[in-house]
Amino acid sequence: MPAGDVEFARFVRTAASDRAGPALLEARLRSRYPRARVRPNELSGLDAALYAYRDGRWEPSRSS
């Protein structure tokens, strides 16, 4: 999720509070962010995690 998007981060935490799976979490996020995507971390050796993308894809942080 975008590091500077406090509102999106708060919404993700609330939507994921019951540890919903990726599909359900994505559906919840899309109620407010229609282009949202949720993807599981599929790299071996790392802890299980879900990544939430507000606009459907990863974007680098913007420097000022």
Protein backbone atom coordinates (compact mmCIF):
# COMPACT_ATOMS: atom_id res chain seq x y z
CA MET A 1 0.00 0.00 0.00
CA PRO A 2 1.24 3.50 -0.57
CA ALA A 3 3.40 4.45 2.40
CA GLY A 4 2.00 7.96 2.58
CA ASP A 5 -1.67 7.04 2.16
CA VAL A 6 -2.80 6.96 5.78
CA GLU A 7 -6.49 6.67 4.92
CA PHE A 8 -5.95 3.64 2.65
CA ALA A 9 -3.69 1.98 5.23
CA ARG A 10 -6.31 2.46 7.95
CA PHE A 11 -9.04 1.06 5.68
CA VAL A 12 -6.90 -2.00 4.84
CA ARG A 13 -6.21 -2.72 8.51
CA THR A 14 -9.92 -2.46 9.34
CA ALA A 15 -10.96 -4.61 6.35
CA ALA A 16 -8.35 -7.24 7.23
CA SER A 17 -9.02 -7.32 10.97
CA ASP A 18 -10.67 -10.77 10.78
CA ARG A 19 -7.80 -12.17 8.67
CA ALA A 20 -9.93 -12.54 5.56
CA GLY A 21 -8.32 -14.26 2.61
CA PRO A 22 -7.04 -12.30 -0.39
CA ALA A 23 -10.25 -12.51 -2.45
CA LEU A 24 -12.54 -11.33 0.36
CA LEU A 25 -10.14 -8.59 1.41
CA GLU A 26 -9.91 -7.37 -2.19
CA ALA A 27 -13.70 -7.28 -2.47
CA ARG A 28 -13.91 -5.23 0.72
CA LEU A 29 -11.28 -2.78 -0.48
CA ARG A 30 -12.98 -2.39 -3.84
CA SER A 31 -16.11 -1.11 -2.11
CA ARG A 32 -14.16 2.14 -1.64
CA TYR A 33 -11.18 1.74 -4.00
CA PRO A 34 -12.50 0.12 -7.23
CA ARG A 35 -9.03 -0.57 -8.66
CA ALA A 36 -7.64 -2.15 -5.47
CA ARG A 37 -5.78 -5.45 -5.74
CA VAL A 38 -4.58 -7.84 -3.05
CA ARG A 39 -1.80 -10.31 -3.64
CA PRO A 40 -0.22 -12.88 -1.33
CA ASN A 41 3.54 -12.87 -0.84
CA GLU A 42 4.72 -15.86 -2.84
CA LEU A 43 8.45 -15.61 -2.18
CA SER A 44 9.86 -18.64 -0.40
CA GLY A 45 11.59 -18.11 2.91
CA LEU A 46 9.46 -15.11 3.86
CA ASP A 47 6.55 -14.92 6.27
CA ALA A 48 3.08 -15.15 4.79
CA ALA A 49 1.77 -11.68 3.98
CA LEU A 50 -0.75 -9.96 1.78
CA TYR A 51 0.08 -6.89 -0.26
CA ALA A 52 -2.67 -4.32 -0.92
CA TYR A 53 -2.43 -2.03 -3.92
CA ARG A 54 -4.83 0.92 -3.99
CA ASP A 55 -4.53 1.49 -7.74
CA GLY A 56 -4.06 -2.13 -8.81
CA ARG A 57 -0.27 -2.17 -8.99
CA TRP A 58 2.88 -1.30 -7.10
CA GLU A 59 4.16 2.21 -7.56
CA PRO A 60 7.37 3.63 -6.15
CA SER A 61 7.12 6.29 -3.47
CA ARG A 62 7.27 9.80 -4.79
CA SER A 63 10.12 11.90 -3.47
CA SER A 64 9.55 15.59 -2.93
